[in-house]
C-alpha cells in the first residue's frame, strides 16, 4: 500500500492512512528520526522496517526539535526537504512531522502494529513501546550500518565539530 507520496502527512492523515491499511487487513510499521542527510544506512534501515509490515510511516523531527536535540547548526536540510526525500523511497508510505520532544503523540495517533528503532536504542528506552505492546503489537530493534550516520558524514565533510550522542 502506498501513502500519498511526495508530501508530508498531518498526524490526522497518518492516523487515517494507518486505519485504512488495517481495515484492508494490513499491518502498519512506524519509525522515527531526524534523517538529516539521507544515506545508504537510512535506506537499508527503512527497507528493513518496511519489510516488517504492509506500510511504513516515518515520524520526522521538526526543524525546531532537531535544533533542540542536535544544536543550532542542525538540521542541514529542512523538514520539507527531508520529508520529500523520505517519501520518494519505495519503502516509505508516508512521513509525518512532529514538533514534540518525542514521537509519543504521533505513535498514539497512528497506533502502529510494529514500532521500529535502531539497535542503538535500549529496548526499555524506546518511546511508544507501551502503546504498541498494549495493542498486541511488537517492537523491533534493527542493527545500524556501521560508520554510516548523518553526523559522521558531516564530520568528515568538516560541517560538524562536536560529537552527537546519537544519530
Foldseek 3Di string as FASTA:
>chain_A
DAAPFQFADELLSLQVVLVVQVVVVWFEEEEEDACQPPDVLNLVQLQVRLVVIVAYEYEHEAQQLCCVQPNDLDDPDGPGVSQNVQSVRPSHRHYYYDHDNDCQVSCLSNQGLEYEEAPVDDPVRDRNQVSNVVVVHYYYHHHTDPPDDPQSVCVVVVNDDDDHPHD
